[in-house]
N, C-alpha and C. Protein backbone atom coordinates (compact mmCIF):
# COMPACT_ATOMS: atom_id res chain seq x y z
N UNK A 1 -24.60 -122.31 -15.32
CA UNK A 1 -23.37 -123.05 -15.52
C UNK A 1 -22.25 -122.05 -15.76
N UNK A 2 -21.06 -122.27 -15.17
CA UNK A 2 -19.94 -121.34 -15.32
C UNK A 2 -18.79 -122.01 -16.01
N UNK A 3 -18.06 -121.25 -16.82
CA UNK A 3 -16.83 -121.76 -17.41
C UNK A 3 -15.68 -121.45 -16.46
N UNK A 4 -14.44 -121.90 -16.75
CA UNK A 4 -13.32 -121.67 -15.83
C UNK A 4 -13.09 -120.19 -15.51
N UNK A 5 -13.46 -119.29 -16.38
CA UNK A 5 -13.26 -117.86 -16.14
C UNK A 5 -14.35 -117.28 -15.26
N UNK A 6 -15.35 -118.07 -14.92
CA UNK A 6 -16.41 -117.64 -14.04
C UNK A 6 -17.57 -116.99 -14.75
N UNK A 7 -17.59 -117.00 -16.07
CA UNK A 7 -18.71 -116.40 -16.80
C UNK A 7 -19.77 -117.45 -17.02
N UNK A 8 -20.97 -116.98 -17.17
CA UNK A 8 -22.09 -117.88 -17.39
C UNK A 8 -22.09 -118.41 -18.82
N UNK A 9 -22.37 -119.71 -18.98
CA UNK A 9 -22.53 -120.31 -20.30
C UNK A 9 -23.91 -120.91 -20.36
N UNK A 10 -24.40 -121.11 -21.55
CA UNK A 10 -25.72 -121.69 -21.71
C UNK A 10 -25.61 -123.12 -22.19
N UNK A 11 -26.65 -123.87 -21.97
CA UNK A 11 -26.68 -125.26 -22.43
C UNK A 11 -26.66 -125.32 -23.94
N UNK A 12 -27.13 -124.26 -24.61
CA UNK A 12 -27.15 -124.25 -26.07
C UNK A 12 -25.74 -124.22 -26.65
N UNK A 13 -24.76 -123.72 -25.88
CA UNK A 13 -23.39 -123.65 -26.38
C UNK A 13 -22.75 -125.03 -26.47
N UNK A 14 -23.18 -125.96 -25.63
CA UNK A 14 -22.59 -127.29 -25.62
C UNK A 14 -22.78 -128.02 -26.96
N UNK A 15 -24.00 -128.05 -27.54
CA UNK A 15 -24.13 -128.72 -28.84
C UNK A 15 -23.28 -128.09 -29.92
N UNK A 16 -23.14 -126.77 -29.90
CA UNK A 16 -22.31 -126.09 -30.90
C UNK A 16 -20.85 -126.52 -30.75
N UNK A 17 -20.38 -126.61 -29.52
CA UNK A 17 -19.01 -127.06 -29.28
C UNK A 17 -18.83 -128.49 -29.75
N UNK A 18 -19.81 -129.32 -29.53
CA UNK A 18 -19.75 -130.71 -29.98
C UNK A 18 -19.68 -130.77 -31.50
N UNK A 19 -20.49 -129.95 -32.17
CA UNK A 19 -20.46 -129.92 -33.64
C UNK A 19 -19.11 -129.44 -34.14
N UNK A 20 -18.55 -128.42 -33.50
CA UNK A 20 -17.24 -127.91 -33.91
C UNK A 20 -16.18 -128.98 -33.73
N UNK A 21 -16.26 -129.75 -32.65
CA UNK A 21 -15.29 -130.81 -32.37
C UNK A 21 -15.46 -131.97 -33.37
N UNK A 22 -16.69 -132.21 -33.83
CA UNK A 22 -16.95 -133.33 -34.74
C UNK A 22 -16.50 -133.03 -36.17
N UNK A 23 -16.44 -131.78 -36.56
CA UNK A 23 -16.09 -131.44 -37.95
C UNK A 23 -14.74 -131.99 -38.39
N UNK A 24 -13.66 -131.83 -37.60
CA UNK A 24 -12.37 -132.40 -38.05
C UNK A 24 -12.45 -133.91 -38.23
N UNK A 25 -13.18 -134.60 -37.38
CA UNK A 25 -13.33 -136.06 -37.54
C UNK A 25 -14.07 -136.39 -38.82
N UNK A 26 -15.10 -135.60 -39.14
CA UNK A 26 -15.85 -135.83 -40.37
C UNK A 26 -14.97 -135.59 -41.58
N UNK A 27 -14.14 -134.57 -41.53
CA UNK A 27 -13.23 -134.28 -42.64
C UNK A 27 -12.27 -135.45 -42.83
N UNK A 28 -11.73 -135.97 -41.73
CA UNK A 28 -10.82 -137.10 -41.82
C UNK A 28 -11.56 -138.33 -42.36
N UNK A 29 -12.76 -138.57 -41.86
CA UNK A 29 -13.55 -139.72 -42.31
C UNK A 29 -13.84 -139.62 -43.80
N UNK A 30 -14.38 -138.48 -44.23
CA UNK A 30 -14.69 -138.31 -45.65
C UNK A 30 -13.42 -138.30 -46.49
N UNK A 31 -12.36 -137.74 -45.95
CA UNK A 31 -11.08 -137.72 -46.66
C UNK A 31 -10.54 -139.12 -46.89
N UNK A 32 -10.61 -139.97 -45.85
CA UNK A 32 -10.13 -141.35 -45.99
C UNK A 32 -10.98 -142.11 -46.99
N UNK A 33 -12.29 -142.00 -46.88
CA UNK A 33 -13.18 -142.69 -47.83
C UNK A 33 -12.93 -142.17 -49.25
N UNK A 34 -12.79 -140.86 -49.38
CA UNK A 34 -12.51 -140.28 -50.70
C UNK A 34 -11.18 -140.73 -51.27
N UNK A 35 -10.18 -140.86 -50.41
CA UNK A 35 -8.87 -141.33 -50.86
C UNK A 35 -8.95 -142.77 -51.37
N UNK A 36 -9.74 -143.61 -50.69
CA UNK A 36 -9.92 -144.99 -51.13
C UNK A 36 -10.58 -145.01 -52.50
N UNK A 37 -11.64 -144.23 -52.65
CA UNK A 37 -12.34 -144.18 -53.94
C UNK A 37 -11.40 -143.68 -55.05
N UNK A 38 -10.67 -142.60 -54.78
CA UNK A 38 -9.77 -142.04 -55.79
C UNK A 38 -8.67 -143.02 -56.17
N UNK A 39 -8.02 -143.62 -55.19
CA UNK A 39 -6.96 -144.59 -55.47
C UNK A 39 -7.50 -145.78 -56.25
N UNK A 40 -8.67 -146.25 -55.86
CA UNK A 40 -9.30 -147.38 -56.55
C UNK A 40 -9.59 -147.04 -58.01
N UNK A 41 -10.21 -145.89 -58.24
CA UNK A 41 -10.58 -145.52 -59.61
C UNK A 41 -9.36 -145.23 -60.47
N UNK A 42 -8.33 -144.63 -59.89
CA UNK A 42 -7.09 -144.38 -60.64
C UNK A 42 -6.42 -145.70 -61.02
N UNK A 43 -6.33 -146.63 -60.05
CA UNK A 43 -5.70 -147.93 -60.33
C UNK A 43 -6.47 -148.68 -61.42
N UNK A 44 -7.79 -148.66 -61.35
CA UNK A 44 -8.60 -149.36 -62.35
C UNK A 44 -8.44 -148.71 -63.73
N UNK A 45 -8.38 -147.39 -63.77
CA UNK A 45 -8.18 -146.69 -65.05
C UNK A 45 -6.83 -147.06 -65.66
N UNK A 46 -5.80 -147.12 -64.84
CA UNK A 46 -4.48 -147.51 -65.33
C UNK A 46 -4.48 -148.94 -65.87
N UNK A 47 -5.18 -149.83 -65.17
CA UNK A 47 -5.25 -151.23 -65.63
C UNK A 47 -6.00 -151.29 -66.96
N UNK A 48 -7.14 -150.60 -67.06
CA UNK A 48 -7.89 -150.60 -68.33
C UNK A 48 -7.05 -150.04 -69.47
N UNK A 49 -6.24 -149.03 -69.18
CA UNK A 49 -5.45 -148.34 -70.19
C UNK A 49 -4.21 -149.14 -70.58
N UNK A 50 -3.57 -149.82 -69.63
CA UNK A 50 -2.27 -150.44 -69.88
C UNK A 50 -2.30 -151.95 -70.11
N UNK A 51 -3.32 -152.64 -69.58
CA UNK A 51 -3.32 -154.10 -69.67
C UNK A 51 -4.59 -154.55 -70.40
N UNK A 52 -4.44 -155.18 -71.56
CA UNK A 52 -5.62 -155.67 -72.27
C UNK A 52 -6.38 -156.70 -71.42
N UNK A 53 -7.68 -156.78 -71.62
CA UNK A 53 -8.53 -157.72 -70.88
C UNK A 53 -7.95 -159.13 -70.96
N UNK A 54 -7.82 -159.78 -69.84
CA UNK A 54 -7.32 -161.15 -69.65
C UNK A 54 -5.80 -161.28 -69.82
N UNK A 55 -5.09 -160.20 -70.06
CA UNK A 55 -3.62 -160.24 -70.09
C UNK A 55 -3.08 -160.01 -68.69
N UNK A 56 -1.82 -160.42 -68.47
CA UNK A 56 -1.17 -160.29 -67.17
C UNK A 56 0.19 -159.64 -67.30
N UNK A 57 0.59 -158.97 -66.24
CA UNK A 57 1.93 -158.43 -66.10
C UNK A 57 2.49 -159.03 -64.82
N UNK A 58 3.60 -159.75 -64.94
CA UNK A 58 4.21 -160.37 -63.77
C UNK A 58 4.89 -159.31 -62.92
N UNK A 59 4.58 -159.30 -61.62
CA UNK A 59 5.18 -158.33 -60.71
C UNK A 59 6.20 -159.03 -59.80
N UNK A 60 5.78 -160.11 -59.15
CA UNK A 60 6.66 -160.92 -58.31
C UNK A 60 6.52 -162.35 -58.80
N UNK A 61 7.54 -162.88 -59.48
CA UNK A 61 7.42 -164.24 -60.04
C UNK A 61 7.00 -165.27 -58.99
N UNK A 62 6.01 -166.06 -59.36
CA UNK A 62 5.52 -167.12 -58.48
C UNK A 62 4.61 -166.64 -57.37
N UNK A 63 4.26 -165.33 -57.36
CA UNK A 63 3.44 -164.82 -56.26
C UNK A 63 2.39 -163.78 -56.67
N UNK A 64 2.75 -162.84 -57.56
CA UNK A 64 1.85 -161.73 -57.83
C UNK A 64 1.93 -161.29 -59.29
N UNK A 65 0.76 -161.22 -59.91
CA UNK A 65 0.60 -160.67 -61.26
C UNK A 65 -0.47 -159.58 -61.21
N UNK A 66 -0.42 -158.68 -62.17
CA UNK A 66 -1.54 -157.78 -62.43
C UNK A 66 -2.25 -158.35 -63.64
N UNK A 67 -3.48 -158.79 -63.44
CA UNK A 67 -4.25 -159.44 -64.49
C UNK A 67 -5.58 -158.72 -64.64
N UNK A 68 -5.86 -158.21 -65.81
CA UNK A 68 -7.08 -157.44 -66.07
C UNK A 68 -8.25 -158.39 -66.30
N UNK A 69 -9.20 -158.41 -65.35
CA UNK A 69 -10.41 -159.23 -65.48
C UNK A 69 -11.63 -158.39 -65.10
N UNK A 70 -12.79 -158.83 -65.54
CA UNK A 70 -14.05 -158.19 -65.19
C UNK A 70 -14.84 -159.13 -64.30
N UNK A 71 -15.39 -158.58 -63.21
CA UNK A 71 -16.21 -159.35 -62.29
C UNK A 71 -17.63 -158.80 -62.33
N UNK A 72 -18.51 -159.56 -62.97
CA UNK A 72 -19.91 -159.13 -63.03
C UNK A 72 -20.72 -159.75 -61.90
N UNK A 73 -20.06 -160.51 -61.04
CA UNK A 73 -20.73 -161.13 -59.90
C UNK A 73 -20.54 -160.32 -58.63
N UNK A 74 -20.52 -161.03 -57.52
CA UNK A 74 -20.37 -160.40 -56.21
C UNK A 74 -18.93 -160.53 -55.75
N UNK A 75 -18.70 -160.34 -54.48
CA UNK A 75 -17.36 -160.43 -53.92
C UNK A 75 -16.72 -161.78 -54.23
N UNK A 76 -15.42 -161.75 -54.50
CA UNK A 76 -14.63 -162.95 -54.79
C UNK A 76 -15.17 -163.72 -55.99
N UNK A 77 -15.82 -163.03 -56.90
CA UNK A 77 -16.28 -163.67 -58.14
C UNK A 77 -17.53 -164.53 -57.98
N UNK A 78 -18.16 -164.50 -56.80
CA UNK A 78 -19.39 -165.27 -56.61
C UNK A 78 -20.42 -164.78 -57.62
N UNK A 79 -21.05 -165.66 -58.31
CA UNK A 79 -22.06 -165.40 -59.35
C UNK A 79 -21.46 -164.81 -60.63
N UNK A 80 -20.14 -164.77 -60.73
CA UNK A 80 -19.52 -164.20 -61.93
C UNK A 80 -19.91 -164.97 -63.18
N UNK A 81 -19.95 -166.29 -63.09
CA UNK A 81 -20.26 -167.10 -64.26
C UNK A 81 -21.76 -167.28 -64.47
N UNK A 82 -22.55 -166.88 -63.48
CA UNK A 82 -24.00 -167.05 -63.59
C UNK A 82 -24.58 -166.00 -64.53
N UNK A 83 -25.49 -166.42 -65.37
CA UNK A 83 -26.18 -165.50 -66.27
C UNK A 83 -27.66 -165.60 -66.01
N UNK A 84 -28.27 -164.48 -65.68
CA UNK A 84 -29.72 -164.45 -65.47
C UNK A 84 -30.22 -163.07 -65.86
N UNK A 85 -31.52 -162.96 -66.15
CA UNK A 85 -32.06 -161.67 -66.59
C UNK A 85 -31.81 -160.56 -65.57
N UNK A 86 -31.44 -159.40 -66.05
CA UNK A 86 -31.23 -158.20 -65.23
C UNK A 86 -30.14 -158.38 -64.17
N UNK A 87 -29.15 -159.22 -64.47
CA UNK A 87 -28.09 -159.49 -63.50
C UNK A 87 -27.39 -158.21 -63.07
N UNK A 88 -27.02 -157.35 -64.01
CA UNK A 88 -26.29 -156.14 -63.64
C UNK A 88 -27.14 -155.21 -62.78
N UNK A 89 -28.44 -155.14 -63.07
CA UNK A 89 -29.34 -154.28 -62.29
C UNK A 89 -29.49 -154.86 -60.88
N UNK A 90 -29.64 -156.16 -60.78
CA UNK A 90 -29.78 -156.81 -59.46
C UNK A 90 -28.50 -156.64 -58.65
N UNK A 91 -27.34 -156.84 -59.28
CA UNK A 91 -26.08 -156.69 -58.56
C UNK A 91 -25.89 -155.24 -58.10
N UNK A 92 -26.30 -154.28 -58.92
CA UNK A 92 -26.21 -152.87 -58.53
C UNK A 92 -27.15 -152.59 -57.35
N UNK A 93 -28.35 -153.12 -57.41
CA UNK A 93 -29.32 -152.91 -56.31
C UNK A 93 -28.81 -153.52 -55.01
N UNK A 94 -28.23 -154.70 -55.08
CA UNK A 94 -27.66 -155.34 -53.88
C UNK A 94 -26.52 -154.49 -53.33
N UNK A 95 -25.67 -153.98 -54.22
CA UNK A 95 -24.55 -153.14 -53.77
C UNK A 95 -25.05 -151.85 -53.11
N UNK A 96 -26.07 -151.24 -53.67
CA UNK A 96 -26.64 -150.02 -53.08
C UNK A 96 -27.26 -150.33 -51.71
N UNK A 97 -27.97 -151.44 -51.61
CA UNK A 97 -28.58 -151.83 -50.33
C UNK A 97 -27.51 -152.09 -49.27
N UNK A 98 -26.44 -152.77 -49.66
CA UNK A 98 -25.35 -153.04 -48.72
C UNK A 98 -24.70 -151.73 -48.28
N UNK A 99 -24.46 -150.83 -49.23
CA UNK A 99 -23.88 -149.53 -48.91
C UNK A 99 -24.76 -148.78 -47.91
N UNK A 100 -26.07 -148.75 -48.17
CA UNK A 100 -27.00 -148.04 -47.28
C UNK A 100 -27.01 -148.66 -45.88
N UNK A 101 -27.00 -149.98 -45.81
CA UNK A 101 -27.00 -150.65 -44.51
C UNK A 101 -25.73 -150.35 -43.71
N UNK A 102 -24.59 -150.36 -44.38
CA UNK A 102 -23.32 -150.07 -43.72
C UNK A 102 -23.28 -148.61 -43.27
N UNK A 103 -23.73 -147.71 -44.13
CA UNK A 103 -23.75 -146.28 -43.77
C UNK A 103 -24.67 -146.05 -42.57
N UNK A 104 -25.81 -146.72 -42.54
CA UNK A 104 -26.73 -146.58 -41.41
C UNK A 104 -26.09 -147.12 -40.14
N UNK A 105 -25.46 -148.27 -40.22
CA UNK A 105 -24.79 -148.86 -39.06
C UNK A 105 -23.71 -147.91 -38.54
N UNK A 106 -22.99 -147.25 -39.43
CA UNK A 106 -21.94 -146.32 -39.02
C UNK A 106 -22.51 -145.17 -38.21
N UNK A 107 -23.73 -144.75 -38.51
CA UNK A 107 -24.33 -143.65 -37.74
C UNK A 107 -24.71 -144.09 -36.32
N UNK A 108 -24.84 -145.37 -36.08
CA UNK A 108 -25.22 -145.88 -34.76
C UNK A 108 -24.02 -146.09 -33.84
N UNK A 109 -22.82 -146.08 -34.39
CA UNK A 109 -21.63 -146.36 -33.58
C UNK A 109 -21.33 -145.22 -32.62
N UNK A 110 -21.04 -145.55 -31.37
CA UNK A 110 -20.61 -144.49 -30.45
C UNK A 110 -19.24 -143.95 -30.85
N UNK A 111 -18.96 -142.73 -30.44
CA UNK A 111 -17.70 -142.07 -30.79
C UNK A 111 -16.49 -142.86 -30.32
N UNK A 112 -16.60 -143.56 -29.20
CA UNK A 112 -15.44 -144.27 -28.64
C UNK A 112 -15.00 -145.47 -29.48
N UNK A 113 -15.84 -145.95 -30.39
CA UNK A 113 -15.51 -147.11 -31.23
C UNK A 113 -14.71 -146.66 -32.46
N UNK A 114 -13.52 -146.12 -32.20
CA UNK A 114 -12.70 -145.54 -33.28
C UNK A 114 -12.26 -146.59 -34.30
N UNK A 115 -11.88 -147.77 -33.81
CA UNK A 115 -11.41 -148.82 -34.72
C UNK A 115 -12.52 -149.22 -35.69
N UNK A 116 -13.73 -149.38 -35.15
CA UNK A 116 -14.87 -149.73 -36.01
C UNK A 116 -15.19 -148.59 -36.97
N UNK A 117 -15.07 -147.35 -36.51
CA UNK A 117 -15.35 -146.21 -37.39
C UNK A 117 -14.36 -146.16 -38.56
N UNK A 118 -13.08 -146.37 -38.28
CA UNK A 118 -12.08 -146.39 -39.36
C UNK A 118 -12.38 -147.57 -40.29
N UNK A 119 -12.70 -148.72 -39.70
CA UNK A 119 -13.04 -149.90 -40.51
C UNK A 119 -14.22 -149.64 -41.42
N UNK A 120 -15.27 -149.07 -40.89
CA UNK A 120 -16.45 -148.78 -41.71
C UNK A 120 -16.16 -147.72 -42.77
N UNK A 121 -15.29 -146.78 -42.45
CA UNK A 121 -14.89 -145.79 -43.45
C UNK A 121 -14.20 -146.47 -44.63
N UNK A 122 -13.31 -147.43 -44.34
CA UNK A 122 -12.65 -148.17 -45.42
C UNK A 122 -13.66 -149.00 -46.21
N UNK A 123 -14.59 -149.63 -45.51
CA UNK A 123 -15.62 -150.44 -46.19
C UNK A 123 -16.46 -149.54 -47.10
N UNK A 124 -16.88 -148.39 -46.59
CA UNK A 124 -17.71 -147.49 -47.39
C UNK A 124 -16.95 -146.94 -48.60
N UNK A 125 -15.69 -146.57 -48.40
CA UNK A 125 -14.88 -146.09 -49.53
C UNK A 125 -14.74 -147.17 -50.60
N UNK A 126 -14.47 -148.40 -50.17
CA UNK A 126 -14.36 -149.51 -51.11
C UNK A 126 -15.68 -149.80 -51.81
N UNK A 127 -16.77 -149.73 -51.04
CA UNK A 127 -18.09 -149.98 -51.62
C UNK A 127 -18.42 -148.95 -52.69
N UNK A 128 -18.08 -147.70 -52.43
CA UNK A 128 -18.34 -146.65 -53.42
C UNK A 128 -17.49 -146.88 -54.67
N UNK A 129 -16.21 -147.26 -54.48
CA UNK A 129 -15.35 -147.53 -55.63
C UNK A 129 -15.91 -148.61 -56.53
N UNK A 130 -16.37 -149.70 -55.94
CA UNK A 130 -16.94 -150.78 -56.74
C UNK A 130 -18.32 -150.41 -57.28
N UNK A 131 -19.07 -149.62 -56.51
CA UNK A 131 -20.40 -149.19 -56.96
C UNK A 131 -20.29 -148.32 -58.21
N UNK A 132 -19.26 -147.48 -58.27
CA UNK A 132 -19.04 -146.65 -59.46
C UNK A 132 -18.87 -147.54 -60.69
N UNK A 133 -18.06 -148.60 -60.56
CA UNK A 133 -17.86 -149.53 -61.68
C UNK A 133 -19.17 -150.19 -62.09
N UNK A 134 -19.89 -150.71 -61.11
CA UNK A 134 -21.14 -151.43 -61.42
C UNK A 134 -22.14 -150.51 -62.10
N UNK A 135 -22.25 -149.29 -61.62
CA UNK A 135 -23.22 -148.35 -62.20
C UNK A 135 -22.80 -147.95 -63.62
N UNK A 136 -21.50 -147.79 -63.84
CA UNK A 136 -21.02 -147.33 -65.15
C UNK A 136 -20.95 -148.43 -66.19
N UNK A 137 -20.55 -149.64 -65.78
CA UNK A 137 -20.28 -150.69 -66.77
C UNK A 137 -21.01 -152.01 -66.53
N UNK A 138 -21.56 -152.22 -65.32
CA UNK A 138 -22.21 -153.49 -65.02
C UNK A 138 -21.25 -154.54 -64.48
N UNK A 139 -19.99 -154.18 -64.33
CA UNK A 139 -18.99 -155.10 -63.77
C UNK A 139 -17.93 -154.29 -63.04
N UNK A 140 -17.13 -155.00 -62.26
CA UNK A 140 -16.02 -154.39 -61.52
C UNK A 140 -14.71 -154.85 -62.15
N UNK A 141 -13.77 -153.93 -62.31
CA UNK A 141 -12.44 -154.29 -62.81
C UNK A 141 -11.62 -154.81 -61.64
N UNK A 142 -11.16 -156.05 -61.75
CA UNK A 142 -10.25 -156.65 -60.77
C UNK A 142 -8.90 -156.85 -61.46
N UNK A 143 -7.82 -156.81 -60.67
CA UNK A 143 -6.51 -156.92 -61.32
C UNK A 143 -5.41 -157.50 -60.45
N UNK A 144 -5.57 -157.56 -59.15
CA UNK A 144 -4.52 -158.11 -58.30
C UNK A 144 -4.69 -159.63 -58.27
N UNK A 145 -3.70 -160.34 -58.79
CA UNK A 145 -3.74 -161.81 -58.89
C UNK A 145 -2.62 -162.37 -58.02
N UNK A 146 -2.99 -162.85 -56.83
CA UNK A 146 -2.03 -163.45 -55.90
C UNK A 146 -2.13 -164.96 -56.05
N UNK A 147 -0.98 -165.62 -56.16
CA UNK A 147 -1.00 -167.07 -56.38
C UNK A 147 0.24 -167.72 -55.78
N UNK A 148 0.16 -169.02 -55.62
CA UNK A 148 1.27 -169.84 -55.14
C UNK A 148 1.21 -171.13 -55.94
N UNK A 149 2.16 -171.34 -56.79
CA UNK A 149 2.12 -172.52 -57.66
C UNK A 149 0.92 -172.43 -58.58
N UNK A 150 0.09 -173.47 -58.57
CA UNK A 150 -1.10 -173.48 -59.41
C UNK A 150 -2.32 -172.90 -58.70
N UNK A 151 -2.20 -172.61 -57.39
CA UNK A 151 -3.32 -172.07 -56.62
C UNK A 151 -3.38 -170.56 -56.77
N UNK A 152 -4.54 -170.03 -57.18
CA UNK A 152 -4.75 -168.59 -57.33
C UNK A 152 -5.85 -168.14 -56.38
N UNK A 153 -5.57 -167.07 -55.65
CA UNK A 153 -6.60 -166.41 -54.86
C UNK A 153 -7.50 -165.68 -55.85
N UNK A 154 -8.70 -165.31 -55.46
CA UNK A 154 -9.58 -164.56 -56.35
C UNK A 154 -8.94 -163.23 -56.69
N UNK A 155 -9.06 -162.81 -57.93
CA UNK A 155 -8.55 -161.49 -58.31
C UNK A 155 -9.34 -160.42 -57.57
N UNK A 156 -8.64 -159.36 -57.19
CA UNK A 156 -9.31 -158.29 -56.45
C UNK A 156 -8.73 -156.94 -56.86
N UNK A 157 -9.20 -155.88 -56.23
CA UNK A 157 -8.77 -154.52 -56.56
C UNK A 157 -8.57 -153.72 -55.28
N UNK A 158 -8.27 -152.43 -55.41
CA UNK A 158 -8.02 -151.57 -54.26
C UNK A 158 -9.27 -151.49 -53.38
N UNK A 159 -10.44 -151.34 -53.99
CA UNK A 159 -11.68 -151.26 -53.22
C UNK A 159 -11.90 -152.54 -52.40
N UNK A 160 -11.66 -153.69 -53.01
CA UNK A 160 -11.82 -154.95 -52.29
C UNK A 160 -10.85 -155.05 -51.11
N UNK A 161 -9.61 -154.58 -51.32
CA UNK A 161 -8.62 -154.60 -50.24
C UNK A 161 -9.07 -153.69 -49.09
N UNK A 162 -9.63 -152.53 -49.42
CA UNK A 162 -10.12 -151.61 -48.38
C UNK A 162 -11.30 -152.23 -47.63
N UNK A 163 -12.21 -152.86 -48.36
CA UNK A 163 -13.37 -153.51 -47.74
C UNK A 163 -12.90 -154.61 -46.79
N UNK A 164 -11.98 -155.44 -47.23
CA UNK A 164 -11.49 -156.54 -46.39
C UNK A 164 -10.77 -156.02 -45.16
N UNK A 165 -9.89 -155.03 -45.35
CA UNK A 165 -9.18 -154.44 -44.21
C UNK A 165 -10.16 -153.80 -43.24
N UNK A 166 -11.12 -153.06 -43.77
CA UNK A 166 -12.13 -152.43 -42.92
C UNK A 166 -12.95 -153.44 -42.14
N UNK A 167 -13.35 -154.51 -42.80
CA UNK A 167 -14.13 -155.56 -42.11
C UNK A 167 -13.30 -156.19 -40.99
N UNK A 168 -12.01 -156.38 -41.22
CA UNK A 168 -11.13 -156.93 -40.17
C UNK A 168 -11.04 -155.97 -38.99
N UNK A 169 -10.96 -154.66 -39.25
CA UNK A 169 -10.91 -153.69 -38.17
C UNK A 169 -12.21 -153.68 -37.36
N UNK A 170 -13.34 -153.78 -38.04
CA UNK A 170 -14.63 -153.84 -37.35
C UNK A 170 -14.69 -155.11 -36.49
N UNK A 171 -14.23 -156.22 -37.03
CA UNK A 171 -14.21 -157.47 -36.27
C UNK A 171 -13.32 -157.36 -35.04
N UNK A 172 -12.13 -156.76 -35.20
CA UNK A 172 -11.25 -156.56 -34.06
C UNK A 172 -11.92 -155.70 -32.99
N UNK A 173 -12.64 -154.67 -33.42
CA UNK A 173 -13.36 -153.82 -32.47
C UNK A 173 -14.43 -154.62 -31.74
N UNK A 174 -15.16 -155.44 -32.48
CA UNK A 174 -16.19 -156.27 -31.85
C UNK A 174 -15.60 -157.26 -30.85
N UNK A 175 -14.36 -157.70 -31.11
CA UNK A 175 -13.68 -158.63 -30.20
C UNK A 175 -13.05 -157.91 -29.01
N UNK A 176 -13.14 -156.59 -28.99
CA UNK A 176 -12.64 -155.83 -27.86
C UNK A 176 -11.22 -155.34 -27.99
N UNK A 177 -10.60 -155.49 -29.15
CA UNK A 177 -9.25 -154.99 -29.35
C UNK A 177 -9.34 -153.47 -29.50
N UNK A 178 -8.56 -152.75 -28.70
CA UNK A 178 -8.58 -151.29 -28.77
C UNK A 178 -7.19 -150.78 -29.10
N UNK A 179 -7.10 -149.67 -29.85
CA UNK A 179 -5.79 -149.08 -30.14
C UNK A 179 -5.09 -148.65 -28.87
N UNK A 180 -3.76 -148.68 -28.87
CA UNK A 180 -2.99 -148.23 -27.69
C UNK A 180 -3.31 -146.77 -27.38
N UNK A 181 -3.29 -146.46 -26.10
CA UNK A 181 -3.50 -145.09 -25.69
C UNK A 181 -4.97 -144.71 -25.53
N UNK A 182 -5.88 -145.65 -25.74
CA UNK A 182 -7.30 -145.33 -25.54
C UNK A 182 -7.69 -145.78 -24.15
N UNK A 183 -8.63 -145.09 -23.59
CA UNK A 183 -9.07 -145.41 -22.24
C UNK A 183 -10.42 -146.10 -22.21
N UNK A 184 -10.87 -146.61 -23.33
CA UNK A 184 -12.16 -147.28 -23.37
C UNK A 184 -11.99 -148.78 -23.41
């Protein structure tokens, strides 16, 4: 095999070039996931430090409050009120299993599925942020309270927002929506 300069190259050089090309993508992927985890943990620490449990700070009247709550259940407060033996251990095990399944699925994605890769990176970053809470305290700190009149959406946090955004990006990829400028 010859390169443009006419010198011989070996097949062994191709995998090395592929690895070199993949490193910047991995740095970006890990960087994005790490940024989600860091932002999530910083926001939760600020809420724990500044807002007493069950207190609220009005941000946008009639629409948005910061309300410090603990979620010992699953997403959107599912099972939050349920009490059963070893609940925190079971919730942690479920979170770890979900994290492992998502991480495994991410390894199966072809390189061309960029939207899904970014989506899964957000999901994994959010999952790690909430997993840290569950492992450390047995619950997740939620604080974003969006409401309209008497109707309140479930309280959520930065990790939850990343997970939801990431899941939407994966769904868009599955539906065939591709970013502009891609040829796939």
